[in-house]
Amino acid sequence: MLDKKLIKKNFEKSIETYFDNAIVQKKTAQKLIELLPCKKFDKILEIGCYSGILTDLINKNIDFKSYLALDIVDCEKYIKKINPKIDFKIEDVENFKTEEKYDLIIANASLQWSNDFISTIKKLRSFLSQKGILAFSVFEKNNLFEIKNAFSVSLNYPEIDDIKRILPNCKTEIQKEELKFSSSIEILRHLKLTGVNSILKNKLSYKEIKQGLKILEKQYKNTLTYYPLLVIYNH
């Protein structure tokens, strides 16, 4: 089980540094907008809006009548700065309930933090209107394999076959993004500045950290590899 309190705490700490360091997440947000089959929706629900990278792109590129953004972190001032008409609610998507039906449900690099990804996707699908669209980016199972091999930690990333079973006929696209760093310490700093250090959920000993840093430097040449998985589903 993921430690949601730890995840919330780490993302609260990185909210001011996220935008400048979330290189991959900014690319996937832009790609999600490009992949949408239309650019006009009556009701939008965004999951995991955080500091508003995707929110801002939606606001600039999509026509909408109502818009609700959710996040476990209090991001209201960031969202209202983008557009005061966007509603914000502090909520974990796994606890979120509604009788509303949405024409677009969208999430960028957030759903992988669900304890039960499959149940979360099924629930979001049930919130779609008759011709609604579910669009999201998560990360594929090989994501950040360098961190997994160096420190023996990783999120339980969703399998693309499982997604296709839940969302038949969905369109999927896997990308690969390599980030180069000047040192192994800078890799850990990058994870901290983007809140992703929550994958290091257990406190590592000095020896484990030193050994992991050595692996990142010697074996992986101070490189991190992201594998974004983008999904578009028409209900």
C-alpha atoms as a PDB file:
ATOM      1  CA  MET A   1       0.000   0.000   0.000  1.00  0.00           C
ATOM      2  CA  LEU A   2       1.200   3.482  -0.832  1.00  0.00           C
ATOM      3  CA  ASP A   3       1.727   5.909   2.023  1.00  0.00           C
ATOM      4  CA  LYS A   4      -0.643   8.682   0.949  1.00  0.00           C
ATOM      5  CA  LYS A   5       0.415  10.918   3.846  1.00  0.00           C
ATOM      6  CA  LEU A   6       4.027  10.714   2.699  1.00  0.00           C
ATOM      7  CA  ILE A   7       3.036  11.335  -0.920  1.00  0.00           C
ATOM      8  CA  LYS A   8       1.020  14.394   0.083  1.00  0.00           C
ATOM      9  CA  LYS A   9       3.850  15.700   2.273  1.00  0.00           C
ATOM     10  CA  ASN A  10       6.467  15.347  -0.478  1.00  0.00           C
ATOM     11  CA  PHE A  11       4.290  16.972  -3.106  1.00  0.00           C
ATOM     12  CA  GLU A  12       3.494  19.829  -0.734  1.00  0.00           C
ATOM     13  CA  LYS A  13       7.237  20.420  -0.379  1.00  0.00           C
ATOM     14  CA  SER A  14       7.896  20.385  -4.130  1.00  0.00           C
ATOM     15  CA  ILE A  15       4.979  22.462  -5.382  1.00  0.00           C
ATOM     16  CA  GLU A  16       7.143  25.549  -5.930  1.00  0.00           C
ATOM     17  CA  THR A  17       9.885  23.627  -7.749  1.00  0.00           C
ATOM     18  CA  TYR A  18       7.741  21.214  -9.730  1.00  0.00           C
ATOM     19  CA  PHE A  19       7.122  23.297 -12.846  1.00  0.00           C
ATOM     20  CA  ASP A  20      10.792  23.969 -13.596  1.00  0.00           C
ATOM     21  CA  ASN A  21      11.819  20.355 -13.012  1.00  0.00           C
ATOM     22  CA  ALA A  22       8.874  18.326 -14.327  1.00  0.00           C
ATOM     23  CA  ILE A  23      10.323  18.118 -17.832  1.00  0.00           C
ATOM     24  CA  VAL A  24       8.666  14.859 -18.829  1.00  0.00           C
ATOM     25  CA  GLN A  25       5.343  15.708 -17.202  1.00  0.00           C
ATOM     26  CA  LYS A  26       5.131  18.948 -19.189  1.00  0.00           C
ATOM     27  CA  LYS A  27       5.687  17.034 -22.429  1.00  0.00           C
ATOM     28  CA  THR A  28       2.985  14.476 -21.610  1.00  0.00           C
ATOM     29  CA  ALA A  29       0.528  17.221 -20.696  1.00  0.00           C
ATOM     30  CA  GLN A  30       1.054  18.878 -24.081  1.00  0.00           C
ATOM     31  CA  LYS A  31       0.743  15.539 -25.844  1.00  0.00           C
ATOM     32  CA  LEU A  32      -2.550  14.764 -24.085  1.00  0.00           C
ATOM     33  CA  ILE A  33      -4.032  17.999 -25.391  1.00  0.00           C
ATOM     34  CA  GLU A  34      -2.833  17.189 -28.911  1.00  0.00           C
ATOM     35  CA  LEU A  35      -4.369  13.695 -28.800  1.00  0.00           C
ATOM     36  CA  LEU A  36      -7.842  14.831 -27.752  1.00  0.00           C
ATOM     37  CA  PRO A  37     -10.265  14.239 -30.656  1.00  0.00           C
ATOM     38  CA  CYS A  38     -12.095  17.490 -29.967  1.00  0.00           C
ATOM     39  CA  LYS A  39     -11.419  20.734 -28.147  1.00  0.00           C
ATOM     40  CA  LYS A  40     -14.843  21.556 -26.719  1.00  0.00           C
ATOM     41  CA  PHE A  41     -16.469  19.973 -23.650  1.00  0.00           C
ATOM     42  CA  ASP A  42     -19.319  21.004 -21.396  1.00  0.00           C
ATOM     43  CA  LYS A  43     -18.039  19.424 -18.169  1.00  0.00           C
ATOM     44  CA  ILE A  44     -14.409  18.618 -17.361  1.00  0.00           C
ATOM     45  CA  LEU A  45     -12.958  16.720 -14.419  1.00  0.00           C
ATOM     46  CA  GLU A  46      -9.191  16.830 -13.893  1.00  0.00           C
ATOM     47  CA  ILE A  47      -7.514  14.383 -11.528  1.00  0.00           C
ATOM     48  CA  GLY A  48      -4.282  15.416  -9.812  1.00  0.00           C
ATOM     49  CA  CYS A  49      -4.088  18.988 -11.076  1.00  0.00           C
ATOM     50  CA  TYR A  50      -1.275  19.924  -8.657  1.00  0.00           C
ATOM     51  CA  SER A  51       0.319  23.267  -9.641  1.00  0.00           C
ATOM     52  CA  GLY A  52      -1.633  23.434 -12.887  1.00  0.00           C
ATOM     53  CA  ILE A  53       0.622  22.379 -15.765  1.00  0.00           C
ATOM     54  CA  LEU A  54      -2.200  20.526 -17.521  1.00  0.00           C
ATOM     55  CA  THR A  55      -4.875  22.871 -16.179  1.00  0.00           C
ATOM     56  CA  ASP A  56      -3.222  25.838 -17.860  1.00  0.00           C
ATOM     57  CA  LEU A  57      -2.997  24.015 -21.197  1.00  0.00           C
ATOM     58  CA  ILE A  58      -6.657  23.016 -21.020  1.00  0.00           C
ATOM     59  CA  ASN A  59      -7.654  26.561 -20.131  1.00  0.00           C
ATOM     60  CA  LYS A  60      -5.767  27.930 -23.138  1.00  0.00           C
ATOM     61  CA  ASN A  61      -6.714  25.289 -25.706  1.00  0.00           C
ATOM     62  CA  ILE A  62     -10.138  23.881 -24.801  1.00  0.00           C
ATOM     63  CA  ASP A  63     -13.597  25.417 -24.547  1.00  0.00           C
ATOM     64  CA  PHE A  64     -15.578  24.325 -21.491  1.00  0.00           C
ATOM     65  CA  LYS A  65     -18.614  25.331 -19.443  1.00  0.00           C
ATOM     66  CA  SER A  66     -17.657  23.806 -16.079  1.00  0.00           C
ATOM     67  CA  TYR A  67     -14.375  22.458 -14.738  1.00  0.00           C
ATOM     68  CA  LEU A  68     -13.566  20.658 -11.489  1.00  0.00           C
ATOM     69  CA  ALA A  69      -9.941  19.982 -10.538  1.00  0.00           C
ATOM     70  CA  LEU A  70      -8.942  17.553  -7.774  1.00  0.00           C
ATOM     71  CA  ASP A  71      -5.699  17.020  -5.886  1.00  0.00           C
ATOM     72  CA  ILE A  72      -4.633  15.667  -2.492  1.00  0.00           C
ATOM     73  CA  VAL A  73      -2.556  18.846  -2.038  1.00  0.00           C
ATOM     74  CA  ASP A  74      -4.172  22.240  -1.512  1.00  0.00           C
ATOM     75  CA  CYS A  75      -3.471  23.820  -4.923  1.00  0.00           C
ATOM     76  CA  GLU A  76      -6.412  26.188  -5.023  1.00  0.00           C
ATOM     77  CA  LYS A  77      -4.364  29.394  -5.345  1.00  0.00           C
ATOM     78  CA  TYR A  78      -2.496  27.975  -8.340  1.00  0.00           C
ATOM     79  CA  ILE A  79      -5.684  26.832 -10.069  1.00  0.00           C
ATOM     80  CA  LYS A  80      -7.638  30.020  -9.383  1.00  0.00           C
ATOM     81  CA  LYS A  81      -4.713  32.030 -10.748  1.00  0.00           C
ATOM     82  CA  ILE A  82      -5.101  30.185 -14.049  1.00  0.00           C
ATOM     83  CA  ASN A  83      -8.852  30.745 -14.165  1.00  0.00           C
ATOM     84  CA  PRO A  84     -11.027  31.765 -11.188  1.00  0.00           C
ATOM     85  CA  LYS A  85     -13.986  29.961 -12.766  1.00  0.00           C
ATOM     86  CA  ILE A  86     -12.305  26.562 -12.328  1.00  0.00           C
ATOM     87  CA  ASP A  87     -13.531  24.796  -9.198  1.00  0.00           C
ATOM     88  CA  PHE A  88     -10.968  23.083  -6.987  1.00  0.00           C
ATOM     89  CA  LYS A  89     -11.425  20.385  -4.366  1.00  0.00           C
ATOM     90  CA  ILE A  90      -8.880  18.727  -2.064  1.00  0.00           C
ATOM     91  CA  GLU A  91      -9.627  15.079  -2.682  1.00  0.00           C
ATOM     92  CA  ASP A  92      -7.931  11.745  -3.229  1.00  0.00           C
ATOM     93  CA  VAL A  93      -9.400  10.315  -6.420  1.00  0.00           C
ATOM     94  CA  GLU A  94      -9.726   6.922  -4.717  1.00  0.00           C
ATOM     95  CA  ASN A  95     -12.163   8.495  -2.236  1.00  0.00           C
ATOM     96  CA  PHE A  96     -13.952  10.746  -4.710  1.00  0.00           C
ATOM     97  CA  LYS A  97     -17.666  10.174  -5.246  1.00  0.00           C
ATOM     98  CA  THR A  98     -20.065  12.024  -7.505  1.00  0.00           C
ATOM     99  CA  GLU A  99     -23.401  11.735  -9.254  1.00  0.00           C
ATOM    100  CA  GLU A 100     -22.168  14.021 -12.015  1.00  0.00           C
ATOM    101  CA  LYS A 101     -21.317  12.851 -15.511  1.00  0.00           C
ATOM    102  CA  TYR A 102     -18.336  14.424 -17.256  1.00  0.00           C
ATOM    103  CA  ASP A 103     -17.628  14.911 -20.958  1.00  0.00           C
ATOM    104  CA  LEU A 104     -13.865  14.884 -20.369  1.00  0.00           C
ATOM    105  CA  ILE A 105     -12.008  13.262 -17.498  1.00  0.00           C
ATOM    106  CA  ILE A 106      -8.301  13.909 -17.755  1.00  0.00           C
ATOM    107  CA  ALA A 107      -5.197  13.238 -15.660  1.00  0.00           C
ATOM    108  CA  ASN A 108      -1.511  13.819 -16.278  1.00  0.00           C
ATOM    109  CA  ALA A 109       1.118  11.750 -14.457  1.00  0.00           C
ATOM    110  CA  SER A 110      -1.027  11.258 -11.367  1.00  0.00           C
ATOM    111  CA  LEU A 111      -3.026   8.014 -11.516  1.00  0.00           C
ATOM    112  CA  GLN A 112       0.059   5.850 -10.903  1.00  0.00           C
ATOM    113  CA  TRP A 113      -0.157   7.046  -7.290  1.00  0.00           C
ATOM    114  CA  SER A 114      -3.390   5.064  -6.817  1.00  0.00           C
ATOM    115  CA  ASN A 115      -3.292   2.063  -4.517  1.00  0.00           C
ATOM    116  CA  ASP A 116      -5.768   0.304  -6.798  1.00  0.00           C
ATOM    117  CA  PHE A 117      -5.216   1.639 -10.298  1.00  0.00           C
ATOM    118  CA  ILE A 118      -7.691  -0.765 -11.922  1.00  0.00           C
ATOM    119  CA  SER A 119     -10.549   0.180  -9.596  1.00  0.00           C
ATOM    120  CA  THR A 120      -9.736   3.869 -10.048  1.00  0.00           C
ATOM    121  CA  ILE A 121      -9.934   3.618 -13.842  1.00  0.00           C
ATOM    122  CA  LYS A 122     -13.206   1.680 -13.638  1.00  0.00           C
ATOM    123  CA  LYS A 123     -14.652   4.357 -11.365  1.00  0.00           C
ATOM    124  CA  LEU A 124     -13.555   7.198 -13.639  1.00  0.00           C
ATOM    125  CA  ARG A 125     -15.081   5.385 -16.601  1.00  0.00           C
ATOM    126  CA  SER A 126     -18.396   5.262 -14.714  1.00  0.00           C
ATOM    127  CA  PHE A 127     -18.277   9.063 -14.332  1.00  0.00           C
ATOM    128  CA  LEU A 128     -18.227   9.610 -18.103  1.00  0.00           C
ATOM    129  CA  SER A 129     -21.194  11.009 -19.983  1.00  0.00           C
ATOM    130  CA  GLN A 130     -22.671   9.016 -22.865  1.00  0.00           C
ATOM    131  CA  LYS A 131     -19.982  10.108 -25.323  1.00  0.00           C
ATOM    132  CA  GLY A 132     -17.413  11.179 -22.777  1.00  0.00           C
ATOM    133  CA  ILE A 133     -13.644  10.890 -23.116  1.00  0.00           C
ATOM    134  CA  LEU A 134     -11.179   9.572 -20.552  1.00  0.00           C
ATOM    135  CA  ALA A 135      -7.648  10.804 -21.294  1.00  0.00           C
ATOM    136  CA  PHE A 136      -4.642  10.223 -19.093  1.00  0.00           C
ATOM    137  CA  SER A 137      -0.920   9.717 -18.927  1.00  0.00           C
ATOM    138  CA  VAL A 138       0.716   7.333 -16.491  1.00  0.00           C
ATOM    139  CA  PHE A 139       4.008   5.480 -16.706  1.00  0.00           C
ATOM    140  CA  GLU A 140       4.808   2.075 -18.135  1.00  0.00           C
ATOM    141  CA  LYS A 141       6.346  -0.762 -16.084  1.00  0.00           C
ATOM    142  CA  ASN A 142       9.938   0.033 -17.141  1.00  0.00           C
ATOM    143  CA  ASN A 143       9.682   3.600 -15.882  1.00  0.00           C
ATOM    144  CA  LEU A 144      12.708   4.757 -13.872  1.00  0.00           C
ATOM    145  CA  PHE A 145      14.280   1.308 -14.061  1.00  0.00           C
ATOM    146  CA  GLU A 146      17.566   2.890 -12.983  1.00  0.00           C
ATOM    147  CA  ILE A 147      16.070   3.805  -9.597  1.00  0.00           C
ATOM    148  CA  LYS A 148      14.531   0.362  -9.233  1.00  0.00           C
ATOM    149  CA  ASN A 149      17.826  -1.383  -9.911  1.00  0.00           C
ATOM    150  CA  ALA A 150      19.915   1.005  -7.799  1.00  0.00           C
ATOM    151  CA  PHE A 151      17.670   1.198  -4.716  1.00  0.00           C
ATOM    152  CA  SER A 152      15.264  -1.762  -5.120  1.00  0.00           C
ATOM    153  CA  VAL A 153      12.206   0.539  -5.043  1.00  0.00           C
ATOM    154  CA  SER A 154       9.505   1.240  -7.616  1.00  0.00           C
ATOM    155  CA  LEU A 155       5.849   2.047  -7.980  1.00  0.00           C
ATOM    156  CA  ASN A 156       3.560  -0.729  -9.147  1.00  0.00           C
ATOM    157  CA  TYR A 157       3.091   0.710 -12.612  1.00  0.00           C
ATOM    158  CA  PRO A 158       0.014  -0.392 -14.589  1.00  0.00           C
ATOM    159  CA  GLU A 159       0.225  -2.935 -17.386  1.00  0.00           C
ATOM    160  CA  ILE A 160      -0.947  -1.754 -20.792  1.00  0.00           C
ATOM    161  CA  ASP A 161      -2.866  -5.030 -21.338  1.00  0.00           C
ATOM    162  CA  ASP A 162      -4.849  -4.440 -18.139  1.00  0.00           C
ATOM    163  CA  ILE A 163      -5.746  -0.943 -19.307  1.00  0.00           C
ATOM    164  CA  LYS A 164      -6.939  -2.263 -22.662  1.00  0.00           C
ATOM    165  CA  ARG A 165      -9.146  -4.832 -20.947  1.00  0.00           C
ATOM    166  CA  ILE A 166     -10.862  -2.141 -18.906  1.00  0.00           C
ATOM    167  CA  LEU A 167     -10.974   0.400 -21.728  1.00  0.00           C
ATOM    168  CA  PRO A 168     -11.607  -1.590 -24.921  1.00  0.00           C
ATOM    169  CA  ASN A 169     -10.630   0.127 -28.165  1.00  0.00           C
ATOM    170  CA  CYS A 170      -8.697   2.814 -26.328  1.00  0.00           C
ATOM    171  CA  LYS A 171      -5.773   4.425 -28.127  1.00  0.00           C
ATOM    172  CA  THR A 172      -2.403   4.052 -26.416  1.00  0.00           C
ATOM    173  CA  GLU A 173       1.022   5.501 -27.025  1.00  0.00           C
ATOM    174  CA  ILE A 174       4.250   4.742 -25.153  1.00  0.00           C
ATOM    175  CA  GLN A 175       7.063   7.258 -25.266  1.00  0.00           C
ATOM    176  CA  LYS A 176      10.631   7.229 -24.001  1.00  0.00           C
ATOM    177  CA  GLU A 177      12.320  10.209 -22.388  1.00  0.00           C
ATOM    178  CA  GLU A 178      15.926  10.120 -21.170  1.00  0.00           C
ATOM    179  CA  LEU A 179      17.166  12.788 -18.784  1.00  0.00           C
ATOM    180  CA  LYS A 180      20.911  13.295 -18.291  1.00  0.00           C
ATOM    181  CA  PHE A 181      22.288  14.648 -15.027  1.00  0.00           C
ATOM    182  CA  SER A 182      25.669  15.979 -13.982  1.00  0.00           C
ATOM    183  CA  SER A 183      25.884  13.595 -11.025  1.00  0.00           C
ATOM    184  CA  SER A 184      23.988  10.848  -9.238  1.00  0.00           C
ATOM    185  CA  ILE A 185      23.200  13.277  -6.415  1.00  0.00           C
ATOM    186  CA  GLU A 186      21.436  15.488  -8.976  1.00  0.00           C
ATOM    187  CA  ILE A 187      19.188  12.547  -9.864  1.00  0.00           C
ATOM    188  CA  LEU A 188      17.965  12.302  -6.276  1.00  0.00           C
ATOM    189  CA  ARG A 189      17.566  16.066  -6.191  1.00  0.00           C
ATOM    190  CA  HIS A 190      15.418  15.884  -9.347  1.00  0.00           C
ATOM    191  CA  LEU A 191      13.168  13.288  -7.712  1.00  0.00           C
ATOM    192  CA  LYS A 192      12.816  15.483  -4.627  1.00  0.00           C
ATOM    193  CA  LEU A 193      12.052  18.662  -6.594  1.00  0.00           C
ATOM    194  CA  THR A 194       9.267  16.871  -8.501  1.00  0.00           C
ATOM    195  CA  GLY A 195       7.815  15.061  -5.484  1.00  0.00           C
ATOM    196  CA  VAL A 196       8.652  11.678  -6.994  1.00  0.00           C
ATOM    197  CA  ASN A 197      10.932  10.862  -4.063  1.00  0.00           C
ATOM    198  CA  SER A 198       7.855   9.218  -2.514  1.00  0.00           C
ATOM    199  CA  ILE A 199       8.901   6.057  -4.357  1.00  0.00           C
ATOM    200  CA  LEU A 200      11.777   5.946  -1.843  1.00  0.00           C
ATOM    201  CA  LYS A 201       9.175   5.213   0.810  1.00  0.00           C
ATOM    202  CA  ASN A 202      11.492   3.384   3.168  1.00  0.00           C
ATOM    203  CA  LYS A 203      14.399   5.203   4.742  1.00  0.00           C
ATOM    204  CA  LEU A 204      17.576   3.878   3.199  1.00  0.00           C
ATOM    205  CA  SER A 205      20.766   3.423   5.169  1.00  0.00           C
ATOM    206  CA  TYR A 206      23.856   5.440   4.339  1.00  0.00           C
ATOM    207  CA  LYS A 207      25.386   2.303   2.866  1.00  0.00           C
ATOM    208  CA  GLU A 208      22.334   1.653   0.641  1.00  0.00           C
ATOM    209  CA  ILE A 209      22.301   5.255  -0.589  1.00  0.00           C
ATOM    210  CA  LYS A 210      26.032   5.233  -1.304  1.00  0.00           C
ATOM    211  CA  GLN A 211      25.754   1.934  -3.171  1.00  0.00           C
ATOM    212  CA  GLY A 212      22.740   3.150  -5.156  1.00  0.00           C
ATOM    213  CA  LEU A 213      24.446   6.387  -6.144  1.00  0.00           C
ATOM    214  CA  LYS A 214      27.445   4.415  -7.355  1.00  0.00           C
ATOM    215  CA  ILE A 215      25.199   2.244  -9.553  1.00  0.00           C
ATOM    216  CA  LEU A 216      23.514   5.340 -11.030  1.00  0.00           C
ATOM    217  CA  GLU A 217      26.910   6.822 -11.830  1.00  0.00           C
ATOM    218  CA  LYS A 218      28.866   3.801 -13.046  1.00  0.00           C
ATOM    219  CA  GLN A 219      26.189   1.631 -14.649  1.00  0.00           C
ATOM    220  CA  TYR A 220      23.700   4.214 -15.889  1.00  0.00           C
ATOM    221  CA  LYS A 221      25.961   7.245 -16.465  1.00  0.00           C
ATOM    222  CA  ASN A 222      23.700   9.515 -14.396  1.00  0.00           C
ATOM    223  CA  THR A 223      20.698   8.955 -16.636  1.00  0.00           C
ATOM    224  CA  LEU A 224      17.019   8.546 -15.778  1.00  0.00           C
ATOM    225  CA  THR A 225      14.595   6.987 -18.259  1.00  0.00           C
ATOM    226  CA  TYR A 226      10.887   7.775 -18.186  1.00  0.00           C
ATOM    227  CA  TYR A 227       8.350   5.721 -20.140  1.00  0.00           C
ATOM    228  CA  PRO A 228       5.133   7.762 -20.351  1.00  0.00           C
ATOM    229  CA  LEU A 229       2.030   5.852 -21.393  1.00  0.00           C
ATOM    230  CA  LEU A 230      -0.757   7.961 -22.894  1.00  0.00           C
ATOM    231  CA  VAL A 231      -4.318   6.656 -23.134  1.00  0.00           C
ATOM    232  CA  ILE A 232      -7.377   8.088 -24.903  1.00  0.00           C
ATOM    233  CA  TYR A 233     -10.714   6.315 -24.415  1.00  0.00           C
ATOM    234  CA  ASN A 234     -14.027   7.240 -26.014  1.00  0.00           C
ATOM    235  CA  HIS A 235     -16.971   5.990 -23.975  1.00  0.00           C
END
